[in-house]
Every structure is written in C-alpha cells, then in structure tokens.
Amino acid sequence: MIKFDIAILGWLQNHLIPDSIPFFQFISDTTTLVSVAVVSLILLLSIIKKSKTTRVKVFLLAIVLILVALMSQGLKFFIERDRPFKTYPHIEKLSEAGSSSFPSGHAMEAFALATALSLLFPKKKTIIPVFLWAILVAYSRMALGVHYPSDVLAGILIGILLGWIVPWIFKRTGFIQLPLN
C-alpha cells in the first residue's frame, strides 16, 4: 500500500499545473476559515429570516465540525504516521503541516461539512460548489506533499460518515424534526 501511496504522491507533485502552488496553499490554509464562515453565514441568515429550522441545522453543522476536530486529533494522537516529506526526500513539502499525517484533518473537515450541508440543504446550488471545494481541499493536501493519498482517502471517508451520521441520529431519535429523506 505504501508503494502505491508514494507512487501517486510523487506523480501528483511532478504533474502540478505550473504556478498552482499558491492557489492550493490558499485552499489548504483557509479550510477551517471557510467552514466556520459558512456555518456563521447560515446562522446570520437564520437570525435575519427568524428561522428556527435553519438554526437547528446550524447547531447540527457545529456538532459535525466539533466531532471532526475531536476525531481528527484523536486519531492523529493514536496513529503516529510520519508526514511523507519526512520519510521520502523526493516528496517536497510545499505547505505547513502539523504532527501526524493520518488521517487528513483538512479532507475530513471539508467532506464532513459538504456531506452535512448537502443533507441539510439539498439543492444543486449548495451541493455542487461545496463538494467541488471539498475535492480541492483534499487534492491540495496531496499536491502540497503533506499527506499520503491513503491519509486523504481516510479523511474523506470519515468526514462523509460524520457529516451523514449527525443529522441521521438527530432525525432518527426524533429529538428534532428535519426534512431529511
């Protein structure tokens, strides 16, 4: 598996679009800012429109982001995987990176938010841009040499699970009413 990870990572770094590094650094660096801004904007709109239902959705999005932070840090603490640029000298570090590599917290956060938003606000004008953003975030972590593809894939899968399970639990328990199918 590690050979596959490194082969993909090496290929991605060797085939970057010229002058794309600043763009990917920006996408990567602003992931949490974008997540918090989106949730804050929805909260502001719920206050302006006096929508209790939308405020409940904001509450669920906040729970998703908190769980992502806890899960990401917890897994990184228990699974101490070196960053690819530390182990493989031909992988260039093109961005800041924290401690452990597994899983990608950025990918987890982006896909959790994208999944939850698409379930809570199921319209194409929401779903398409938020998943395009999530894909860019995930790709940026590999292109910048700070995560293995398996780190990113794990982050995507865990993020999708967290983004889906929080609204599902609240709907299933009947704690709150949500228009989820």
Protein backbone atom coordinates (compact mmCIF):
# COMPACT_ATOMS: atom_id res chain seq x y z
CA MET A 1 0.00 0.00 0.00
CA ILE A 2 2.78 2.42 0.87
CA LYS A 3 4.38 1.99 -2.57
CA PHE A 4 1.06 2.88 -4.17
CA ASP A 5 0.73 5.91 -1.86
CA ILE A 6 4.19 7.17 -2.73
CA ALA A 7 3.79 6.50 -6.45
CA ILE A 8 0.57 8.55 -6.56
CA LEU A 9 2.02 11.31 -4.40
CA GLY A 10 5.19 11.53 -6.48
CA TRP A 11 3.16 11.64 -9.69
CA LEU A 12 0.90 14.39 -8.32
CA GLN A 13 3.84 16.54 -7.28
CA ASN A 14 5.59 16.02 -10.63
CA HIS A 15 2.48 16.94 -12.61
CA LEU A 16 1.29 20.08 -10.84
CA ILE A 17 -0.15 22.78 -13.06
CA PRO A 18 2.53 25.48 -13.31
CA ASP A 19 2.07 28.26 -10.75
CA SER A 20 -0.76 26.39 -8.98
CA ILE A 21 1.05 26.04 -5.65
CA PRO A 22 -0.12 29.40 -4.21
CA PHE A 23 -3.72 28.51 -5.10
CA PHE A 24 -3.50 25.12 -3.38
CA GLN A 25 -1.78 26.68 -0.37
CA PHE A 26 -4.64 29.19 -0.13
CA ILE A 27 -7.28 26.45 -0.40
CA SER A 28 -5.49 24.40 2.25
CA ASP A 29 -4.79 27.30 4.60
CA THR A 30 -8.38 28.58 4.58
CA THR A 31 -10.22 25.28 5.09
CA THR A 32 -11.29 25.93 8.68
CA LEU A 33 -11.92 29.61 7.97
CA VAL A 34 -14.27 28.67 5.14
CA SER A 35 -16.02 26.03 7.30
CA VAL A 36 -16.62 28.45 10.15
CA ALA A 37 -17.60 31.26 7.76
CA VAL A 38 -20.19 29.08 6.01
CA VAL A 39 -21.76 27.99 9.31
CA SER A 40 -21.66 31.59 10.62
CA LEU A 41 -23.28 32.90 7.44
CA ILE A 42 -26.07 30.35 7.70
CA LEU A 43 -26.54 31.32 11.36
CA LEU A 44 -26.74 35.00 10.40
CA LEU A 45 -29.31 34.22 7.68
CA SER A 46 -31.35 32.17 10.16
CA ILE A 47 -31.42 35.15 12.54
CA ILE A 48 -32.36 37.58 9.78
CA LYS A 49 -35.11 35.28 8.48
CA LYS A 50 -36.11 34.25 12.02
CA SER A 51 -35.93 30.60 11.00
CA LYS A 52 -35.84 28.15 13.89
CA THR A 53 -35.38 25.24 11.48
CA THR A 54 -32.26 26.80 9.98
CA ARG A 55 -30.86 27.49 13.45
CA VAL A 56 -31.27 23.80 14.26
CA LYS A 57 -29.34 23.00 11.09
CA VAL A 58 -26.58 25.38 12.19
CA PHE A 59 -26.47 23.55 15.52
CA LEU A 60 -26.01 20.24 13.67
CA LEU A 61 -23.28 21.70 11.45
CA ALA A 62 -21.47 22.95 14.56
CA ILE A 63 -21.71 19.48 16.12
CA VAL A 64 -20.27 17.98 12.92
CA LEU A 65 -17.30 20.38 12.96
CA ILE A 66 -16.63 19.75 16.66
CA LEU A 67 -16.72 15.98 16.12
CA VAL A 68 -14.36 16.33 13.16
CA ALA A 69 -11.85 18.24 15.28
CA LEU A 70 -12.05 15.68 18.09
CA MET A 71 -11.88 12.67 15.77
CA SER A 72 -9.02 14.10 13.71
CA GLN A 73 -6.88 14.99 16.71
CA GLY A 74 -7.71 11.73 18.47
CA LEU A 75 -6.73 9.60 15.50
CA LYS A 76 -3.55 11.60 14.90
CA PHE A 77 -2.62 11.07 18.56
CA PHE A 78 -3.08 7.31 18.42
CA ILE A 79 -1.84 6.73 14.86
CA GLU A 80 1.52 8.41 14.65
CA ARG A 81 2.32 8.33 10.96
CA ASP A 82 5.18 10.49 9.71
CA ARG A 83 4.44 13.00 7.01
CA PRO A 84 5.53 11.87 3.54
CA PHE A 85 8.14 14.62 3.16
CA LYS A 86 9.84 13.40 6.36
CA THR A 87 10.17 9.81 5.16
CA TYR A 88 10.70 10.33 1.43
CA PRO A 89 13.17 13.08 0.47
CA HIS A 90 11.85 13.31 -3.10
CA ILE A 91 8.46 14.49 -1.77
CA GLU A 92 8.64 18.25 -1.41
CA LYS A 93 6.88 19.96 1.49
CA LEU A 94 5.04 22.88 -0.10
CA SER A 95 2.83 23.88 2.84
CA GLU A 96 2.69 23.93 6.61
CA ALA A 97 1.83 20.64 8.28
CA GLY A 98 1.13 19.54 11.83
CA SER A 99 2.34 16.45 13.61
CA SER A 100 0.91 13.13 12.46
CA SER A 101 -0.15 12.52 8.89
CA PHE A 102 -3.06 10.11 9.39
CA PRO A 103 -5.82 10.99 8.68
CA SER A 104 -6.06 14.23 6.75
CA GLY A 105 -7.98 16.55 9.04
CA HIS A 106 -8.47 19.03 6.20
CA ALA A 107 -10.12 16.40 3.97
CA MET A 108 -12.17 15.14 6.91
CA GLU A 109 -13.44 18.62 7.73
CA ALA A 110 -14.21 19.57 4.13
CA PHE A 111 -16.10 16.36 3.35
CA ALA A 112 -17.96 16.33 6.66
CA LEU A 113 -19.18 19.87 6.02
CA ALA A 114 -20.00 19.11 2.39
CA THR A 115 -21.97 16.00 3.33
CA ALA A 116 -23.88 17.65 6.16
CA LEU A 117 -24.67 20.72 4.05
CA SER A 118 -25.89 18.59 1.17
CA LEU A 119 -28.23 16.67 3.50
CA LEU A 120 -29.50 19.72 5.36
CA PHE A 121 -29.77 21.99 2.30
CA PRO A 122 -30.35 19.53 -0.57
CA LYS A 123 -30.15 21.81 -3.59
CA LYS A 124 -27.74 21.64 -6.51
CA LYS A 125 -26.65 25.22 -5.88
CA THR A 126 -25.40 24.04 -2.46
CA ILE A 127 -24.21 20.52 -3.20
CA ILE A 128 -22.08 21.12 -6.30
CA PRO A 129 -19.94 24.03 -5.04
CA VAL A 130 -19.41 22.58 -1.57
CA PHE A 131 -18.25 19.21 -2.92
CA LEU A 132 -16.01 20.90 -5.51
CA TRP A 133 -14.44 22.84 -2.65
CA ALA A 134 -14.03 19.63 -0.61
CA ILE A 135 -12.34 17.90 -3.56
CA LEU A 136 -9.94 20.84 -3.97
CA VAL A 137 -9.10 20.75 -0.27
CA ALA A 138 -8.40 17.01 -0.38
CA TYR A 139 -6.31 17.28 -3.55
CA SER A 140 -4.36 20.24 -2.16
CA ARG A 141 -3.10 18.20 0.79
CA MET A 142 -1.51 15.66 -1.55
CA ALA A 143 -0.30 18.17 -4.13
CA LEU A 144 1.45 20.10 -1.37
CA GLY A 145 3.22 16.94 -0.20
CA VAL A 146 1.85 16.92 3.36
CA HIS A 147 -0.40 13.84 3.13
CA TYR A 148 -0.36 10.42 1.57
CA PRO A 149 -3.36 9.54 -0.64
CA SER A 150 -4.45 6.99 1.99
CA ASP A 151 -4.49 9.78 4.62
CA VAL A 152 -6.74 11.82 2.37
CA LEU A 153 -8.98 8.87 1.50
CA ALA A 154 -9.41 8.04 5.20
CA GLY A 155 -10.19 11.70 5.91
CA ILE A 156 -12.79 11.75 3.12
CA LEU A 157 -14.49 8.56 4.30
CA ILE A 158 -14.54 9.55 7.98
CA GLY A 159 -15.72 13.04 7.03
CA ILE A 160 -18.58 11.69 4.93
CA LEU A 161 -19.55 9.36 7.77
CA LEU A 162 -19.55 12.16 10.37
CA GLY A 163 -21.39 14.55 8.03
CA TRP A 164 -24.07 11.92 7.47
CA ILE A 165 -24.40 10.38 10.92
CA VAL A 166 -25.05 13.54 12.95
CA PRO A 167 -28.16 14.62 11.01
CA TRP A 168 -29.27 10.98 10.78
CA ILE A 169 -29.04 10.44 14.55
CA PHE A 170 -30.98 13.60 15.31
CA LYS A 171 -33.67 12.71 12.80
CA ARG A 172 -33.82 9.05 13.86
CA THR A 173 -34.15 9.81 17.55
CA GLY A 174 -36.92 12.30 16.85
CA PHE A 175 -35.08 14.81 19.02
CA ILE A 176 -35.66 17.37 16.31
CA GLN A 177 -37.61 17.39 13.09
CA LEU A 178 -35.51 17.57 9.96
CA PRO A 179 -36.61 17.40 6.35
CA LEU A 180 -34.19 14.56 5.55
CA ASN A 181 -35.29 11.59 3.47
